[in-house]
Amino acid sequence: MRLVDAVYARITELMKERQITVNALANLSGVPRTTVVTMTRSATVKLSTVYGICDGLGITLQEFFSSPLFSPENIID
């Protein structure tokens, strides 16, 4: 999968774990709802966006990227 797809999959995974919606994530993180939603159609994602989401969820970037979704064999780009 593309790296941006893995990022969005990880965000979705974390929202499900915490039972929150995209709107709730936007409120917690300060990242606009439209930014979170459009990541599914984007070819890139800003690290500052991921950082804001991590901050809102109370996790570190290291925790975010420690998912198996980001293992080299899963990323094609």
N, C-alpha and C. Protein backbone atom coordinates (compact mmCIF):
# COMPACT_ATOMS: atom_id res chain seq x y z
N MET A 1 0.84 -1.19 0.00
CA MET A 1 0.00 0.00 0.00
C MET A 1 0.87 1.24 0.00
N ARG A 2 0.29 2.33 -0.45
CA ARG A 2 1.03 3.60 -0.43
C ARG A 2 1.19 4.05 1.02
N LEU A 3 2.24 4.80 1.26
CA LEU A 3 2.49 5.30 2.61
C LEU A 3 1.31 6.11 3.13
N VAL A 4 0.75 6.97 2.29
CA VAL A 4 -0.39 7.78 2.72
C VAL A 4 -1.59 6.91 3.08
N ASP A 5 -1.76 5.78 2.39
CA ASP A 5 -2.84 4.85 2.73
C ASP A 5 -2.60 4.20 4.09
N ALA A 6 -1.34 3.88 4.38
CA ALA A 6 -1.00 3.31 5.69
C ALA A 6 -1.25 4.33 6.80
N VAL A 7 -0.93 5.59 6.54
CA VAL A 7 -1.19 6.64 7.53
C VAL A 7 -2.69 6.73 7.80
N TYR A 8 -3.48 6.78 6.74
CA TYR A 8 -4.93 6.88 6.93
C TYR A 8 -5.48 5.63 7.62
N ALA A 9 -4.98 4.45 7.26
CA ALA A 9 -5.42 3.21 7.91
C ALA A 9 -5.09 3.25 9.40
N ARG A 10 -3.92 3.77 9.75
CA ARG A 10 -3.52 3.86 11.16
C ARG A 10 -4.43 4.83 11.92
N ILE A 11 -4.75 5.95 11.28
CA ILE A 11 -5.65 6.91 11.92
C ILE A 11 -7.01 6.27 12.15
N THR A 12 -7.50 5.58 11.14
CA THR A 12 -8.80 4.90 11.27
C THR A 12 -8.76 3.86 12.39
N GLU A 13 -7.68 3.11 12.46
CA GLU A 13 -7.50 2.10 13.51
C GLU A 13 -7.55 2.75 14.90
N LEU A 14 -6.85 3.87 15.06
CA LEU A 14 -6.82 4.55 16.35
C LEU A 14 -8.18 5.16 16.70
N MET A 15 -8.90 5.66 15.70
CA MET A 15 -10.24 6.20 15.97
C MET A 15 -11.18 5.09 16.43
N LYS A 16 -11.08 3.92 15.80
CA LYS A 16 -11.93 2.78 16.21
C LYS A 16 -11.60 2.34 17.62
N GLU A 17 -10.30 2.25 17.95
CA GLU A 17 -9.88 1.86 19.30
C GLU A 17 -10.47 2.80 20.35
N ARG A 18 -10.50 4.08 20.03
CA ARG A 18 -10.97 5.08 20.97
C ARG A 18 -12.46 5.41 20.82
N GLN A 19 -13.06 4.77 19.83
CA GLN A 19 -14.49 4.97 19.54
C GLN A 19 -14.82 6.45 19.34
N ILE A 20 -14.05 7.08 18.45
CA ILE A 20 -14.30 8.49 18.14
C ILE A 20 -14.52 8.65 16.64
N THR A 21 -15.19 9.71 16.28
CA THR A 21 -15.49 10.02 14.89
C THR A 21 -14.41 10.94 14.31
N VAL A 22 -14.49 11.15 13.01
CA VAL A 22 -13.59 12.09 12.36
C VAL A 22 -13.78 13.49 12.95
N ASN A 23 -15.03 13.87 13.22
CA ASN A 23 -15.30 15.18 13.83
C ASN A 23 -14.64 15.28 15.20
N ALA A 24 -14.75 14.23 15.99
CA ALA A 24 -14.13 14.24 17.32
C ALA A 24 -12.62 14.33 17.20
N LEU A 25 -12.04 13.59 16.26
CA LEU A 25 -10.60 13.65 16.05
C LEU A 25 -10.17 15.05 15.65
N ALA A 26 -10.93 15.67 14.77
CA ALA A 26 -10.62 17.04 14.34
C ALA A 26 -10.65 17.99 15.54
N ASN A 27 -11.63 17.84 16.38
CA ASN A 27 -11.73 18.71 17.58
C ASN A 27 -10.57 18.47 18.54
N LEU A 28 -10.20 17.21 18.74
CA LEU A 28 -9.11 16.89 19.67
C LEU A 28 -7.75 17.37 19.15
N SER A 29 -7.56 17.24 17.85
CA SER A 29 -6.23 17.47 17.29
C SER A 29 -6.02 18.86 16.70
N GLY A 30 -7.11 19.55 16.40
CA GLY A 30 -6.97 20.84 15.74
C GLY A 30 -6.70 20.72 14.25
N VAL A 31 -6.74 19.50 13.74
CA VAL A 31 -6.58 19.26 12.30
C VAL A 31 -7.97 19.34 11.68
N PRO A 32 -8.15 20.14 10.66
CA PRO A 32 -9.47 20.28 10.06
C PRO A 32 -10.03 18.92 9.59
N ARG A 33 -11.33 18.76 9.78
CA ARG A 33 -12.01 17.53 9.37
C ARG A 33 -11.75 17.24 7.90
N THR A 34 -11.79 18.26 7.07
CA THR A 34 -11.59 18.05 5.64
C THR A 34 -10.19 17.52 5.33
N THR A 35 -9.21 17.92 6.12
CA THR A 35 -7.85 17.42 5.93
C THR A 35 -7.79 15.93 6.21
N VAL A 36 -8.42 15.50 7.30
CA VAL A 36 -8.43 14.08 7.64
C VAL A 36 -9.14 13.28 6.55
N VAL A 37 -10.27 13.76 6.09
CA VAL A 37 -11.05 13.04 5.08
C VAL A 37 -10.33 12.99 3.74
N THR A 38 -9.70 14.07 3.33
CA THR A 38 -9.06 14.10 2.01
C THR A 38 -7.76 13.31 1.96
N MET A 39 -7.24 12.88 3.09
CA MET A 39 -6.04 12.05 3.07
C MET A 39 -6.24 10.77 2.27
N THR A 40 -7.46 10.30 2.18
CA THR A 40 -7.74 9.06 1.44
C THR A 40 -7.54 9.26 -0.06
N ARG A 41 -7.62 10.48 -0.52
CA ARG A 41 -7.48 10.76 -1.96
C ARG A 41 -6.18 11.47 -2.29
N SER A 42 -5.35 11.67 -1.33
CA SER A 42 -4.13 12.44 -1.52
C SER A 42 -2.94 11.53 -1.80
N ALA A 43 -1.95 12.07 -2.46
CA ALA A 43 -0.71 11.33 -2.70
C ALA A 43 0.32 11.61 -1.63
N THR A 44 0.07 12.61 -0.79
CA THR A 44 1.01 12.98 0.26
C THR A 44 0.25 13.31 1.54
N VAL A 45 0.98 13.31 2.62
CA VAL A 45 0.43 13.76 3.89
C VAL A 45 1.56 14.50 4.62
N LYS A 46 1.21 15.60 5.24
CA LYS A 46 2.22 16.38 5.96
C LYS A 46 2.50 15.75 7.31
N LEU A 47 3.76 15.74 7.67
CA LEU A 47 4.15 15.23 8.98
C LEU A 47 3.51 16.08 10.08
N SER A 48 3.36 17.37 9.83
CA SER A 48 2.73 18.23 10.84
C SER A 48 1.28 17.83 11.08
N THR A 49 0.61 17.32 10.07
CA THR A 49 -0.76 16.82 10.23
C THR A 49 -0.76 15.58 11.11
N VAL A 50 0.13 14.66 10.83
CA VAL A 50 0.23 13.43 11.64
C VAL A 50 0.60 13.80 13.08
N TYR A 51 1.50 14.76 13.23
CA TYR A 51 1.90 15.20 14.57
C TYR A 51 0.70 15.77 15.33
N GLY A 52 -0.10 16.60 14.67
CA GLY A 52 -1.28 17.16 15.31
C GLY A 52 -2.27 16.09 15.73
N ILE A 53 -2.45 15.11 14.88
CA ILE A 53 -3.36 14.01 15.22
C ILE A 53 -2.81 13.22 16.40
N CYS A 54 -1.52 12.94 16.39
CA CYS A 54 -0.91 12.24 17.52
C CYS A 54 -1.07 13.02 18.81
N ASP A 55 -0.85 14.31 18.74
CA ASP A 55 -0.99 15.16 19.91
C ASP A 55 -2.43 15.09 20.44
N GLY A 56 -3.39 15.18 19.54
CA GLY A 56 -4.79 15.11 19.95
C GLY A 56 -5.17 13.77 20.56
N LEU A 57 -4.53 12.71 20.08
CA LEU A 57 -4.83 11.37 20.61
C LEU A 57 -3.98 11.02 21.83
N GLY A 58 -3.03 11.88 22.14
CA GLY A 58 -2.17 11.63 23.31
C GLY A 58 -1.15 10.54 23.09
N ILE A 59 -0.66 10.41 21.84
CA ILE A 59 0.38 9.42 21.55
C ILE A 59 1.55 10.13 20.87
N THR A 60 2.68 9.45 20.84
CA THR A 60 3.87 10.00 20.19
C THR A 60 3.90 9.57 18.72
N LEU A 61 4.73 10.24 17.94
CA LEU A 61 4.94 9.81 16.56
C LEU A 61 5.49 8.39 16.53
N GLN A 62 6.35 8.07 17.47
CA GLN A 62 6.92 6.72 17.54
C GLN A 62 5.81 5.69 17.74
N GLU A 63 4.87 5.97 18.63
CA GLU A 63 3.75 5.05 18.84
C GLU A 63 2.89 4.93 17.58
N PHE A 64 2.67 6.06 16.92
CA PHE A 64 1.87 6.05 15.70
C PHE A 64 2.51 5.15 14.64
N PHE A 65 3.80 5.34 14.40
CA PHE A 65 4.48 4.61 13.33
C PHE A 65 4.98 3.22 13.75
N SER A 66 4.73 2.81 14.99
CA SER A 66 5.16 1.47 15.42
C SER A 66 4.22 0.37 14.92
N SER A 67 3.18 0.73 14.24
CA SER A 67 2.22 -0.24 13.69
C SER A 67 2.84 -1.08 12.59
N PRO A 68 2.45 -2.34 12.50
CA PRO A 68 2.91 -3.19 11.39
C PRO A 68 2.52 -2.65 10.01
N LEU A 69 1.57 -1.74 9.97
CA LEU A 69 1.18 -1.13 8.70
C LEU A 69 2.38 -0.47 8.00
N PHE A 70 3.35 -0.04 8.80
CA PHE A 70 4.49 0.70 8.27
C PHE A 70 5.74 -0.16 8.06
N SER A 71 5.60 -1.47 8.15
CA SER A 71 6.76 -2.33 7.89
C SER A 71 7.11 -2.25 6.40
N PRO A 72 8.38 -2.34 6.09
CA PRO A 72 8.83 -2.17 4.70
C PRO A 72 8.10 -3.03 3.67
N GLU A 73 7.74 -4.23 4.05
CA GLU A 73 7.05 -5.10 3.09
C GLU A 73 5.62 -4.67 2.78
N ASN A 74 5.07 -3.78 3.60
CA ASN A 74 3.70 -3.29 3.37
C ASN A 74 3.65 -2.01 2.56
N ILE A 75 4.76 -1.31 2.45
CA ILE A 75 4.77 0.00 1.77
C ILE A 75 5.38 -0.17 0.37
N ILE A 76 4.66 0.37 -0.63
CA ILE A 76 5.13 0.21 -2.00
C ILE A 76 5.80 1.45 -2.57
N ASP A 77 5.69 2.60 -1.89
CA ASP A 77 6.32 3.81 -2.44
C ASP A 77 7.39 4.35 -1.56
